[in-house]
N, C-alpha and C. Protein backbone atom coordinates (compact mmCIF):
# COMPACT_ATOMS: atom_id res chain seq x y z
N MET A 1 131.97 -52.59 13.90
CA MET A 1 132.16 -53.60 14.47
C MET A 1 132.91 -53.22 16.24
N ILE A 2 132.49 -53.72 17.82
CA ILE A 2 132.57 -53.84 18.39
C ILE A 2 133.71 -54.43 19.33
N TYR A 3 134.44 -53.87 19.63
CA TYR A 3 136.03 -54.50 19.71
C TYR A 3 136.07 -54.03 21.41
N GLN A 4 136.94 -54.26 22.02
CA GLN A 4 136.98 -54.22 23.83
C GLN A 4 138.25 -53.34 24.35
N LEU A 5 138.60 -52.41 25.01
CA LEU A 5 139.44 -52.33 26.19
C LEU A 5 139.30 -51.65 27.23
N GLU A 6 139.99 -52.64 28.17
CA GLU A 6 140.00 -52.33 28.86
C GLU A 6 138.74 -52.63 29.71
N ASN A 7 138.31 -54.27 29.22
CA ASN A 7 136.89 -55.08 29.68
C ASN A 7 136.04 -54.19 29.57
N LYS A 8 135.65 -53.08 28.38
CA LYS A 8 134.52 -52.18 28.25
C LYS A 8 134.60 -52.47 26.25
N ASN A 9 133.42 -52.56 25.97
CA ASN A 9 132.99 -52.49 24.53
C ASN A 9 132.99 -50.97 23.78
N PHE A 10 133.63 -50.80 22.72
CA PHE A 10 133.97 -50.04 22.25
C PHE A 10 133.36 -50.39 20.49
N HIS A 11 132.82 -49.55 20.11
CA HIS A 11 132.29 -49.42 18.62
C HIS A 11 132.85 -48.44 17.83
N ALA A 12 133.54 -49.17 16.40
CA ALA A 12 134.12 -48.05 15.40
C ALA A 12 133.46 -48.90 13.94
N SER A 13 132.60 -48.21 13.33
CA SER A 13 132.20 -48.11 12.20
C SER A 13 133.47 -48.86 10.83
N ASP A 14 133.42 -49.31 10.04
CA ASP A 14 134.65 -49.74 9.59
C ASP A 14 134.02 -49.66 8.24
N ALA A 15 132.64 -49.24 7.53
CA ALA A 15 132.56 -49.23 6.62
C ALA A 15 132.62 -50.77 5.95
N GLY A 16 132.22 -52.03 6.65
CA GLY A 16 132.01 -53.31 6.27
C GLY A 16 133.58 -53.37 5.82
N GLN A 17 134.93 -52.68 6.09
CA GLN A 17 135.34 -53.55 4.97
C GLN A 17 136.78 -53.80 5.48
N GLY A 18 136.53 -53.46 7.03
CA GLY A 18 138.13 -54.46 7.94
C GLY A 18 138.59 -53.86 8.06
N ILE A 19 139.96 -54.13 8.82
CA ILE A 19 141.44 -53.63 9.08
C ILE A 19 142.13 -54.36 7.76
N ASP A 20 142.71 -53.65 6.84
CA ASP A 20 144.04 -54.01 5.45
C ASP A 20 145.41 -53.30 6.47
N SER A 21 146.25 -54.40 6.71
CA SER A 21 147.72 -53.76 7.38
C SER A 21 148.40 -52.62 6.63
N LYS A 22 148.18 -53.21 5.35
CA LYS A 22 149.37 -51.99 4.13
C LYS A 22 148.42 -50.95 3.68
N LYS A 23 147.57 -50.89 4.48
CA LYS A 23 146.52 -49.85 4.53
C LYS A 23 146.79 -48.34 5.55
N ASP A 24 146.90 -47.34 5.08
CA ASP A 24 146.65 -46.01 6.27
C ASP A 24 145.46 -45.87 6.52
N THR A 25 145.45 -45.82 7.57
CA THR A 25 144.16 -45.94 8.19
C THR A 25 143.36 -44.45 8.53
N ILE A 26 142.39 -44.20 8.04
CA ILE A 26 141.14 -42.88 8.30
C ILE A 26 140.71 -42.95 9.75
N ILE A 27 140.84 -42.17 10.73
CA ILE A 27 140.23 -42.19 12.35
C ILE A 27 139.13 -41.16 11.85
N PHE A 28 138.05 -41.27 12.43
CA PHE A 28 136.83 -40.20 12.24
C PHE A 28 136.52 -40.31 13.56
N LEU A 29 137.16 -38.75 14.13
CA LEU A 29 136.45 -38.75 15.64
C LEU A 29 135.32 -36.97 15.82
N HIS A 30 134.12 -37.44 16.07
CA HIS A 30 132.96 -36.63 16.06
C HIS A 30 132.78 -35.50 17.20
N GLY A 31 132.11 -34.82 17.24
CA GLY A 31 132.14 -33.34 18.08
C GLY A 31 131.40 -33.81 19.35
N SER A 32 131.03 -33.11 20.17
CA SER A 32 130.39 -33.12 21.01
C SER A 32 129.04 -33.96 21.01
N GLY A 33 128.56 -34.71 22.37
CA GLY A 33 127.46 -35.15 22.25
C GLY A 33 126.68 -36.38 21.09
N LEU A 34 127.95 -36.44 20.02
CA LEU A 34 127.46 -37.05 18.75
C LEU A 34 127.72 -38.34 18.89
N SER A 35 127.64 -39.02 17.31
CA SER A 35 128.60 -40.71 16.92
C SER A 35 129.00 -40.72 15.78
N HIS A 36 129.54 -42.03 15.43
CA HIS A 36 129.77 -42.28 14.12
C HIS A 36 129.15 -41.97 13.39
N ILE A 37 127.90 -42.11 13.08
CA ILE A 37 126.66 -41.77 11.90
C ILE A 37 127.26 -40.06 11.64
N VAL A 38 127.37 -40.10 12.35
CA VAL A 38 127.94 -38.71 10.65
C VAL A 38 128.80 -38.34 9.98
N TRP A 39 129.99 -38.98 10.17
CA TRP A 39 130.73 -39.78 9.13
C TRP A 39 130.18 -40.83 8.17
N SER A 40 129.14 -41.11 8.23
CA SER A 40 128.74 -42.08 7.28
C SER A 40 128.97 -42.42 5.79
N LEU A 41 128.65 -40.95 5.24
CA LEU A 41 129.28 -40.85 3.96
C LEU A 41 130.52 -40.76 3.72
N ALA A 42 131.45 -40.28 4.64
CA ALA A 42 133.00 -39.67 4.43
C ALA A 42 133.56 -41.28 4.51
N GLU A 43 132.94 -42.20 5.86
CA GLU A 43 133.67 -43.34 5.31
C GLU A 43 133.59 -44.30 3.98
N GLN A 44 131.87 -44.67 3.88
CA GLN A 44 132.27 -44.41 2.28
C GLN A 44 132.53 -44.51 1.14
N PHE A 45 133.31 -43.11 0.87
CA PHE A 45 133.65 -42.26 -0.07
C PHE A 45 135.46 -42.78 0.28
N PHE A 46 135.84 -42.71 1.20
CA PHE A 46 137.13 -43.13 1.77
C PHE A 46 137.94 -44.80 1.23
N SER A 47 136.26 -45.37 1.90
CA SER A 47 137.02 -46.91 2.01
C SER A 47 136.80 -47.15 1.03
N ASN A 48 136.21 -46.34 -0.37
CA ASN A 48 136.47 -46.81 -2.21
C ASN A 48 137.88 -45.91 -2.12
N LYS A 49 138.25 -45.55 -1.43
CA LYS A 49 140.04 -44.96 -2.33
C LYS A 49 141.38 -45.65 -1.80
N ASN A 50 141.10 -46.72 -1.11
CA ASN A 50 141.90 -47.68 -0.37
C ASN A 50 142.41 -47.90 0.44
N PHE A 51 141.76 -47.09 1.79
CA PHE A 51 141.94 -46.34 2.77
C PHE A 51 141.50 -47.26 3.79
N ASN A 52 141.90 -47.75 5.24
CA ASN A 52 141.11 -48.11 5.98
C ASN A 52 140.43 -46.89 6.97
N VAL A 53 139.07 -47.39 7.11
CA VAL A 53 138.57 -46.06 7.74
C VAL A 53 137.97 -46.43 9.10
N LEU A 54 137.40 -46.00 9.69
CA LEU A 54 137.37 -46.53 11.28
C LEU A 54 136.27 -45.29 11.95
N SER A 55 135.25 -45.17 11.63
CA SER A 55 134.51 -44.01 12.97
C SER A 55 134.10 -44.47 13.98
N ILE A 56 135.26 -43.58 15.35
CA ILE A 56 134.79 -44.33 16.39
C ILE A 56 133.76 -43.78 16.82
N ASP A 57 132.97 -44.68 17.92
CA ASP A 57 131.33 -43.94 18.80
C ASP A 57 132.54 -43.88 20.32
N LEU A 58 133.11 -42.50 20.81
CA LEU A 58 134.30 -42.60 22.11
C LEU A 58 133.04 -42.87 23.04
N PRO A 59 133.64 -43.21 24.35
CA PRO A 59 132.83 -44.12 25.49
C PRO A 59 132.03 -42.93 25.86
N GLY A 60 131.14 -43.79 25.78
CA GLY A 60 129.51 -43.13 26.39
C GLY A 60 128.71 -42.59 25.31
N HIS A 61 129.57 -42.88 24.12
CA HIS A 61 128.74 -42.19 22.60
C HIS A 61 127.97 -43.60 21.97
N GLY A 62 127.07 -43.50 20.77
CA GLY A 62 126.47 -44.03 20.31
C GLY A 62 126.92 -45.44 20.75
N ASN A 63 127.27 -46.91 20.42
CA ASN A 63 127.44 -47.75 20.92
C ASN A 63 128.10 -48.39 21.42
N SER A 64 128.96 -47.43 22.11
CA SER A 64 130.79 -47.19 22.89
C SER A 64 130.03 -47.39 24.26
N GLU A 65 130.79 -48.31 25.48
CA GLU A 65 129.87 -48.27 26.66
C GLU A 65 130.65 -47.45 27.35
N GLY A 66 130.23 -46.65 28.31
CA GLY A 66 130.13 -45.43 28.93
C GLY A 66 131.44 -45.68 30.27
N PRO A 67 131.23 -44.82 31.09
CA PRO A 67 130.95 -43.50 31.17
C PRO A 67 132.05 -42.79 30.23
N CYS A 68 131.17 -41.73 29.54
CA CYS A 68 132.25 -40.82 28.96
C CYS A 68 133.88 -40.21 29.51
N LEU A 69 134.40 -40.06 28.71
CA LEU A 69 135.67 -39.42 29.16
C LEU A 69 135.77 -38.50 29.55
N ASP A 70 136.25 -37.16 30.71
CA ASP A 70 135.32 -35.95 31.26
C ASP A 70 136.53 -34.92 30.66
N SER A 71 138.04 -35.24 30.41
CA SER A 71 139.07 -34.27 29.38
C SER A 71 139.38 -34.82 28.10
N ILE A 72 139.78 -33.88 27.59
CA ILE A 72 140.12 -34.04 26.18
C ILE A 72 141.60 -34.80 26.83
N GLU A 73 142.30 -34.63 27.30
CA GLU A 73 143.75 -35.88 27.49
C GLU A 73 143.17 -37.20 27.87
N LYS A 74 142.16 -37.18 28.20
CA LYS A 74 141.76 -38.56 29.16
C LYS A 74 141.63 -39.42 28.00
N ILE A 75 141.06 -38.33 26.79
CA ILE A 75 140.04 -38.89 25.39
C ILE A 75 141.20 -39.53 24.46
N ALA A 76 142.48 -38.28 24.47
CA ALA A 76 143.39 -38.87 23.99
C ALA A 76 144.53 -40.13 24.06
N ASP A 77 144.33 -40.06 25.34
CA ASP A 77 145.22 -41.71 25.90
C ASP A 77 144.34 -42.56 25.77
N TRP A 78 143.48 -42.64 25.86
CA TRP A 78 142.27 -43.78 25.87
C TRP A 78 142.91 -44.00 23.94
N LEU A 79 142.51 -42.97 23.13
CA LEU A 79 142.42 -43.30 21.93
C LEU A 79 144.06 -43.74 21.49
N GLU A 80 144.83 -43.40 22.03
CA GLU A 80 146.43 -43.99 21.79
C GLU A 80 146.04 -45.68 22.72
N LYS A 81 145.37 -45.62 23.22
CA LYS A 81 145.40 -47.03 23.31
C LYS A 81 144.65 -48.09 22.51
N VAL A 82 143.64 -46.96 21.84
CA VAL A 82 142.80 -47.67 20.80
C VAL A 82 143.79 -48.07 19.26
N PHE A 83 144.76 -47.36 19.70
CA PHE A 83 145.73 -47.40 18.24
C PHE A 83 146.51 -48.82 18.41
N ALA A 84 146.98 -49.14 19.74
CA ALA A 84 147.80 -50.33 20.60
C ALA A 84 147.05 -51.71 20.06
N GLU A 85 145.70 -51.53 20.56
CA GLU A 85 144.59 -52.51 20.84
C GLU A 85 144.32 -53.08 19.13
N LEU A 86 144.18 -52.15 17.71
CA LEU A 86 143.84 -52.46 16.75
C LEU A 86 145.52 -52.43 15.96
N ASN A 87 146.60 -52.28 16.42
CA ASN A 87 147.89 -52.13 15.75
C ASN A 87 147.81 -51.63 14.77
N LEU A 88 147.62 -50.37 14.84
CA LEU A 88 147.29 -49.04 13.47
C LEU A 88 148.35 -48.01 13.98
N ASN A 89 149.08 -47.98 12.57
CA ASN A 89 149.50 -47.33 12.30
C ASN A 89 149.87 -46.66 11.49
N ASN A 90 150.91 -45.02 10.85
CA ASN A 90 150.31 -44.24 10.11
C ASN A 90 148.93 -43.91 9.72
N ILE A 91 148.26 -43.36 10.89
CA ILE A 91 147.22 -42.97 11.41
C ILE A 91 146.59 -41.81 10.50
N ILE A 92 145.61 -40.97 9.61
CA ILE A 92 144.88 -40.07 9.64
C ILE A 92 143.97 -39.61 10.37
N LEU A 93 144.19 -38.74 11.21
CA LEU A 93 142.69 -38.33 12.12
C LEU A 93 142.33 -36.92 11.89
N VAL A 94 140.82 -37.05 11.34
CA VAL A 94 140.10 -36.20 11.18
C VAL A 94 138.90 -35.85 11.88
N GLY A 95 138.85 -35.09 12.91
CA GLY A 95 138.26 -34.25 13.61
C GLY A 95 137.46 -33.17 13.78
N HIS A 96 135.89 -33.31 14.18
CA HIS A 96 134.76 -32.29 13.81
C HIS A 96 135.07 -31.55 14.69
N SER A 97 134.85 -30.34 15.68
CA SER A 97 134.39 -29.84 17.11
C SER A 97 135.11 -29.91 18.19
N GLN A 98 134.55 -30.55 18.67
CA GLN A 98 135.35 -31.09 20.04
C GLN A 98 136.24 -32.56 19.68
N GLY A 99 135.85 -33.07 17.74
CA GLY A 99 137.00 -34.10 17.75
C GLY A 99 138.69 -33.64 17.21
N CYS A 100 138.36 -31.67 16.86
CA CYS A 100 139.56 -31.40 16.33
C CYS A 100 140.66 -30.98 17.81
N LEU A 101 139.94 -30.83 18.72
CA LEU A 101 140.64 -30.75 20.09
C LEU A 101 141.28 -32.22 20.81
N ILE A 102 140.76 -32.93 20.58
CA ILE A 102 141.05 -34.61 20.49
C ILE A 102 142.82 -35.02 20.00
N THR A 103 142.21 -34.59 17.98
CA THR A 103 143.23 -34.75 17.16
C THR A 103 144.83 -34.10 17.60
N MET A 104 144.39 -33.04 18.01
CA MET A 104 145.60 -32.15 18.16
C MET A 104 146.66 -32.08 19.52
N GLU A 105 145.95 -32.83 20.47
CA GLU A 105 146.69 -33.48 21.98
C GLU A 105 146.94 -34.65 21.22
N CYS A 106 146.25 -35.47 20.73
CA CYS A 106 146.51 -36.68 20.18
C CYS A 106 147.97 -36.61 19.02
N SER A 107 148.38 -35.98 18.51
CA SER A 107 149.04 -35.06 17.50
C SER A 107 150.39 -35.16 18.51
N ALA A 108 149.95 -34.44 19.53
CA ALA A 108 151.43 -33.76 20.39
C ALA A 108 151.54 -34.72 21.21
N GLN A 109 151.15 -35.82 21.52
CA GLN A 109 151.42 -36.78 22.83
C GLN A 109 151.90 -37.69 21.65
N PHE A 110 151.20 -38.45 20.76
CA PHE A 110 151.56 -39.38 20.43
C PHE A 110 152.06 -39.27 18.90
N PRO A 111 153.38 -38.22 18.86
CA PRO A 111 153.60 -37.97 16.38
C PRO A 111 153.80 -38.74 16.07
N ASP A 112 154.83 -39.99 16.45
CA ASP A 112 155.19 -41.04 15.80
C ASP A 112 154.08 -41.96 15.10
N LYS A 113 152.78 -42.23 15.48
CA LYS A 113 151.88 -42.96 15.61
C LYS A 113 151.10 -42.23 13.62
N ILE A 114 150.79 -40.65 14.01
CA ILE A 114 149.78 -39.86 12.95
C ILE A 114 150.75 -39.62 11.90
N LYS A 115 149.97 -39.49 10.98
CA LYS A 115 150.29 -39.30 9.36
C LYS A 115 150.48 -37.83 9.38
N SER A 116 149.02 -37.60 9.25
CA SER A 116 148.12 -36.33 9.20
C SER A 116 146.92 -36.25 9.55
N LEU A 117 146.55 -34.90 10.00
CA LEU A 117 145.43 -33.74 10.74
C LEU A 117 144.37 -33.79 9.30
N SER A 118 143.46 -33.00 10.05
CA SER A 118 142.07 -32.67 9.18
C SER A 118 141.37 -32.66 10.37
N LEU A 119 141.09 -30.91 10.94
CA LEU A 119 140.68 -30.39 11.51
C LEU A 119 139.22 -29.55 11.44
N MET A 120 137.98 -29.71 11.21
CA MET A 120 137.09 -29.44 10.78
C MET A 120 135.76 -28.56 12.15
N GLY A 121 135.75 -27.43 11.42
CA GLY A 121 134.95 -26.53 12.74
C GLY A 121 136.18 -26.31 13.86
N GLY A 122 137.20 -26.69 13.73
CA GLY A 122 137.73 -25.83 15.35
C GLY A 122 138.57 -25.27 15.17
N ALA A 123 139.21 -25.13 16.68
CA ALA A 123 139.71 -24.05 17.12
C ALA A 123 140.70 -24.87 18.34
N GLY A 124 141.66 -23.45 18.49
CA GLY A 124 142.31 -23.74 19.68
C GLY A 124 142.21 -24.25 20.75
N ALA A 125 141.16 -23.38 21.08
CA ALA A 125 140.04 -23.01 22.51
C ALA A 125 138.80 -23.64 22.15
N ILE A 126 137.86 -23.93 22.74
CA ILE A 126 136.45 -23.89 22.77
C ILE A 126 135.45 -23.68 24.02
N PRO A 127 135.82 -22.32 24.22
CA PRO A 127 134.98 -22.17 25.42
C PRO A 127 133.42 -22.21 25.59
N MET A 128 132.51 -22.34 26.19
CA MET A 128 131.40 -22.61 26.34
C MET A 128 130.47 -21.68 26.10
N ASN A 129 129.52 -21.68 25.70
CA ASN A 129 128.80 -20.65 25.83
C ASN A 129 127.90 -20.91 27.84
N PRO A 130 127.98 -20.22 28.67
CA PRO A 130 128.03 -20.36 29.91
C PRO A 130 126.16 -21.15 30.50
N GLU A 131 125.86 -20.35 29.57
CA GLU A 131 123.79 -20.57 29.11
C GLU A 131 124.18 -22.36 28.35
N LEU A 132 124.54 -22.59 27.82
CA LEU A 132 124.45 -24.07 27.15
C LEU A 132 124.90 -24.81 27.99
N LEU A 133 126.27 -24.92 28.60
CA LEU A 133 127.30 -25.33 29.34
C LEU A 133 126.12 -25.76 30.54
N ASP A 134 125.57 -24.63 31.05
CA ASP A 134 124.64 -24.83 32.09
C ASP A 134 123.06 -25.69 31.99
N LEU A 135 123.04 -25.87 30.83
CA LEU A 135 121.77 -26.98 30.44
C LEU A 135 121.89 -28.00 30.08
N ALA A 136 123.35 -28.07 29.50
CA ALA A 136 123.78 -29.49 29.52
C ALA A 136 123.71 -30.28 29.96
N GLU A 137 124.26 -29.24 31.35
CA GLU A 137 124.89 -30.26 32.55
C GLU A 137 123.53 -30.62 33.38
N LYS A 138 122.70 -29.55 33.23
CA LYS A 138 121.35 -30.28 33.92
C LYS A 138 120.19 -31.46 33.20
N GLY A 139 121.12 -31.55 31.68
CA GLY A 139 119.98 -32.68 30.98
C GLY A 139 119.06 -32.01 30.76
N GLU A 140 118.89 -31.13 30.62
CA GLU A 140 118.15 -30.32 30.06
C GLU A 140 117.71 -30.14 27.71
N THR A 141 117.31 -30.91 27.07
CA THR A 141 117.25 -31.06 25.64
C THR A 141 117.41 -30.50 24.93
N LYS A 142 117.08 -28.55 25.82
CA LYS A 142 117.01 -27.06 24.63
C LYS A 142 118.58 -27.17 24.57
N ALA A 143 119.44 -27.74 25.39
CA ALA A 143 120.31 -27.18 25.29
C ALA A 143 121.28 -28.32 23.63
N VAL A 144 120.39 -29.48 23.14
CA VAL A 144 120.90 -29.99 21.77
C VAL A 144 120.09 -29.39 20.66
N ASP A 145 119.29 -28.46 21.50
CA ASP A 145 118.17 -27.67 20.18
C ASP A 145 119.42 -26.53 20.13
N LEU A 146 119.76 -25.64 20.57
CA LEU A 146 120.69 -24.30 20.85
C LEU A 146 121.64 -24.74 20.05
N MET A 147 122.51 -25.92 20.30
CA MET A 147 123.66 -26.16 19.75
C MET A 147 123.57 -26.66 18.41
N MET A 148 121.81 -27.24 17.78
CA MET A 148 122.31 -27.64 16.37
C MET A 148 121.55 -25.59 15.90
N ASP A 149 121.14 -25.21 16.67
CA ASP A 149 120.67 -23.98 15.79
C ASP A 149 121.84 -23.19 15.98
N TRP A 150 122.36 -23.23 16.86
CA TRP A 150 123.73 -21.85 16.49
C TRP A 150 124.62 -22.79 15.00
N ALA A 151 124.45 -24.36 15.62
CA ALA A 151 125.82 -24.52 14.50
C ALA A 151 125.20 -23.93 12.97
N HIS A 152 123.87 -24.56 12.86
CA HIS A 152 123.59 -24.49 11.05
C HIS A 152 122.96 -22.74 10.93
N GLY A 153 122.62 -22.11 12.23
CA GLY A 153 122.85 -20.86 11.85
C GLY A 153 121.42 -20.09 11.07
N PRO A 154 121.11 -19.27 10.75
CA PRO A 154 119.81 -18.70 9.85
C PRO A 154 119.78 -19.76 8.78
N ALA A 155 120.89 -19.84 8.12
CA ALA A 155 119.91 -20.58 6.69
C ALA A 155 119.73 -21.69 7.06
N GLY A 156 119.92 -22.78 8.25
CA GLY A 156 119.18 -23.88 8.42
C GLY A 156 118.36 -23.55 9.06
N HIS A 157 117.27 -23.03 8.68
CA HIS A 157 115.51 -22.78 9.16
C HIS A 157 115.04 -22.15 7.87
N PHE A 158 116.13 -22.05 6.13
CA PHE A 158 115.33 -21.83 5.08
C PHE A 158 113.84 -22.59 4.96
N GLY A 159 113.10 -21.15 4.64
CA GLY A 159 111.19 -21.80 4.32
C GLY A 159 110.60 -21.99 5.52
N GLY A 160 111.19 -21.16 6.46
CA GLY A 160 110.76 -21.57 8.11
C GLY A 160 110.49 -22.95 9.19
N HIS A 161 111.25 -23.93 8.09
CA HIS A 161 111.58 -24.85 9.35
C HIS A 161 113.03 -25.08 10.45
N ALA A 162 112.09 -25.93 10.86
CA ALA A 162 113.21 -25.98 11.68
C ALA A 162 115.30 -27.08 11.59
N VAL A 163 115.20 -26.85 11.71
CA VAL A 163 116.79 -27.47 11.65
C VAL A 163 116.57 -28.77 11.51
N PRO A 164 116.42 -29.79 10.46
CA PRO A 164 116.58 -31.21 10.95
C PRO A 164 117.67 -31.88 12.23
N GLY A 165 116.76 -32.31 12.94
CA GLY A 165 117.33 -33.44 14.21
C GLY A 165 117.12 -32.52 15.56
N MET A 166 116.29 -31.07 15.16
CA MET A 166 116.80 -29.90 16.55
C MET A 166 115.28 -31.53 17.16
N HIS A 167 114.28 -31.57 16.78
CA HIS A 167 113.21 -31.90 17.97
C HIS A 167 113.12 -33.35 17.04
N HIS A 168 114.19 -33.85 17.01
CA HIS A 168 113.81 -35.66 17.21
C HIS A 168 115.56 -35.77 17.35
N ILE A 169 115.23 -35.79 18.85
CA ILE A 169 116.66 -35.86 19.52
C ILE A 169 117.42 -37.31 19.55
N ASN A 170 116.61 -38.31 18.63
CA ASN A 170 117.10 -39.70 18.87
C ASN A 170 116.90 -40.28 17.54
N ILE A 171 117.29 -39.20 16.47
CA ILE A 171 117.36 -39.95 15.26
C ILE A 171 118.55 -40.76 14.90
N GLY A 172 118.70 -41.95 15.00
CA GLY A 172 119.64 -42.70 14.36
C GLY A 172 121.20 -42.75 15.27
N GLY A 173 120.83 -41.91 16.40
CA GLY A 173 121.97 -42.43 17.26
C GLY A 173 123.05 -40.80 16.99
N THR A 174 122.22 -40.23 15.86
CA THR A 174 123.45 -39.22 15.02
C THR A 174 123.29 -37.74 16.30
N ILE A 175 122.06 -37.56 16.80
CA ILE A 175 121.98 -36.58 18.03
C ILE A 175 121.92 -37.49 19.15
N ILE A 176 122.36 -36.91 20.04
CA ILE A 176 121.95 -37.39 21.95
C ILE A 176 120.36 -38.20 22.04
N HIS A 177 120.64 -39.50 22.96
CA HIS A 177 119.53 -39.38 23.01
C HIS A 177 118.90 -38.35 24.18
N ASN A 178 117.76 -38.63 24.79
CA ASN A 178 117.51 -37.83 25.86
C ASN A 178 117.82 -38.34 26.90
N GLY A 179 118.04 -39.15 27.70
CA GLY A 179 118.94 -39.40 28.94
C GLY A 179 120.23 -39.26 28.61
N SER A 180 120.77 -39.10 27.44
CA SER A 180 122.44 -38.37 27.15
C SER A 180 122.39 -36.91 27.52
N VAL A 181 121.73 -36.55 28.20
CA VAL A 181 122.26 -35.02 27.87
C VAL A 181 123.16 -34.77 28.54
N LYS A 182 122.81 -35.10 29.95
CA LYS A 182 123.88 -34.57 30.85
C LYS A 182 124.80 -35.54 31.02
N ASN A 183 125.08 -37.14 30.84
CA ASN A 183 125.48 -37.42 30.56
C ASN A 183 126.84 -37.91 29.75
N ALA A 184 126.13 -37.47 28.63
CA ALA A 184 127.58 -37.14 27.48
C ALA A 184 127.39 -35.87 27.13
N LEU A 185 126.68 -34.87 26.14
CA LEU A 185 126.69 -33.81 26.33
C LEU A 185 127.20 -32.92 27.43
N GLY A 186 126.75 -32.63 28.53
CA GLY A 186 127.59 -32.14 29.49
C GLY A 186 128.62 -32.30 29.83
N VAL A 187 128.94 -33.74 30.08
CA VAL A 187 130.44 -33.98 30.02
C VAL A 187 131.53 -33.02 29.06
N ASP A 188 131.16 -33.72 27.37
CA ASP A 188 131.85 -33.05 26.76
C ASP A 188 131.90 -31.47 26.84
N PHE A 189 131.10 -31.13 26.92
CA PHE A 189 131.18 -29.41 26.59
C PHE A 189 132.17 -29.45 27.99
N ARG A 190 131.76 -29.82 29.36
CA ARG A 190 132.82 -29.58 29.85
C ARG A 190 134.00 -29.33 29.56
N ALA A 191 134.01 -30.51 29.19
CA ALA A 191 136.00 -31.07 28.74
C ALA A 191 136.05 -30.03 27.24
N CYS A 192 135.29 -29.53 26.93
CA CYS A 192 136.17 -28.69 25.91
C CYS A 192 136.53 -26.98 26.72
N ASN A 193 135.57 -26.69 27.47
CA ASN A 193 135.53 -25.78 28.58
C ASN A 193 136.94 -25.77 28.85
N ASN A 194 137.21 -26.87 29.75
CA ASN A 194 138.49 -26.77 30.24
C ASN A 194 140.15 -27.05 29.82
N TYR A 195 139.37 -27.03 28.39
CA TYR A 195 140.92 -27.99 28.17
C TYR A 195 141.19 -26.68 27.50
N LYS A 196 142.68 -26.11 28.09
CA LYS A 196 143.59 -25.19 27.82
C LYS A 196 145.10 -25.30 26.57
N ASN A 197 145.19 -26.41 26.71
CA ASN A 197 146.39 -26.88 26.20
C ASN A 197 146.73 -26.79 24.40
N GLY A 198 145.18 -26.63 23.69
CA GLY A 198 145.27 -26.53 22.46
C GLY A 198 146.48 -25.70 21.76
N PHE A 199 146.59 -24.06 21.73
CA PHE A 199 147.49 -23.89 21.18
C PHE A 199 149.11 -24.13 21.47
N GLU A 200 149.11 -24.87 22.50
CA GLU A 200 150.45 -25.74 23.22
C GLU A 200 150.36 -26.73 22.25
N ALA A 201 149.40 -27.71 21.79
CA ALA A 201 149.31 -29.16 21.08
C ALA A 201 150.19 -28.09 19.96
N ALA A 202 149.16 -27.15 19.63
CA ALA A 202 149.40 -27.05 17.77
C ALA A 202 150.94 -26.45 17.62
N LYS A 203 151.66 -26.22 18.18
CA LYS A 203 152.93 -25.75 18.37
C LYS A 203 153.98 -26.72 18.44
N LYS A 204 152.83 -28.50 18.76
CA LYS A 204 154.22 -29.64 18.35
C LYS A 204 153.63 -30.14 16.92
N VAL A 205 152.40 -30.06 16.73
CA VAL A 205 152.37 -31.15 14.81
C VAL A 205 153.31 -30.55 14.27
N LYS A 206 153.62 -31.14 13.58
CA LYS A 206 154.41 -31.41 12.77
C LYS A 206 153.86 -32.26 11.59
N CYS A 207 153.31 -33.11 11.71
CA CYS A 207 152.38 -33.70 10.31
C CYS A 207 152.09 -32.63 9.18
N PRO A 208 151.48 -33.07 8.45
CA PRO A 208 151.08 -32.37 7.55
C PRO A 208 149.18 -32.02 8.10
N THR A 209 148.54 -30.93 7.83
CA THR A 209 147.71 -30.80 8.42
C THR A 209 146.24 -29.63 7.54
N ILE A 210 145.01 -29.57 7.61
CA ILE A 210 144.20 -29.35 6.51
C ILE A 210 143.28 -28.60 7.68
N ASN A 211 143.23 -27.43 7.74
CA ASN A 211 141.90 -26.91 8.92
C ASN A 211 140.55 -26.37 7.48
N ILE A 212 139.85 -26.68 8.15
CA ILE A 212 137.92 -26.33 7.61
C ILE A 212 137.32 -25.85 8.11
N LEU A 213 137.44 -24.33 8.10
CA LEU A 213 137.40 -23.79 8.91
C LEU A 213 135.48 -22.45 8.07
């Protein structure tokens, strides 16, 4: 679905179910340089479990208009406007990597909206490897290769095969396409690197939370 906020379009996949005001809403937040597509299977599963589901493409990612927002705090503020625009309450936030920082900041700032959190592969801080950050900000596609390589680890190369997606940067929008390395992945990595409020935000989280590490 395409929605509009502040005269810009943003995309959120709802598994074709729409939004039922009587149900809790699970909002899935992707990691750096990714899009809603990484949540496709989770969407289908939870939409059949009596939840609304929304996998959001953050600004400048997937099918949402840019530019990318350059700080975790700005993304959390933008997300709260999405909640208001779509009249969402009783929200379950699920974040991966950078998405975890966003969910914590959002929960700390807007606790009355958030029912629970699920954090996948997150941390209180995500300082970036300087080489990886530099490559991403220069727009080098090697940054995507390194991100996927380090994320999957040696087991991802079982049988001598490359990690799926590493050399196919534009597969279905799952990994950012070539022209967006600088303007999406680079901006995301810098936002993660600069975010220093994670541990303070975590102290303010009062809702039930699960960490998957």
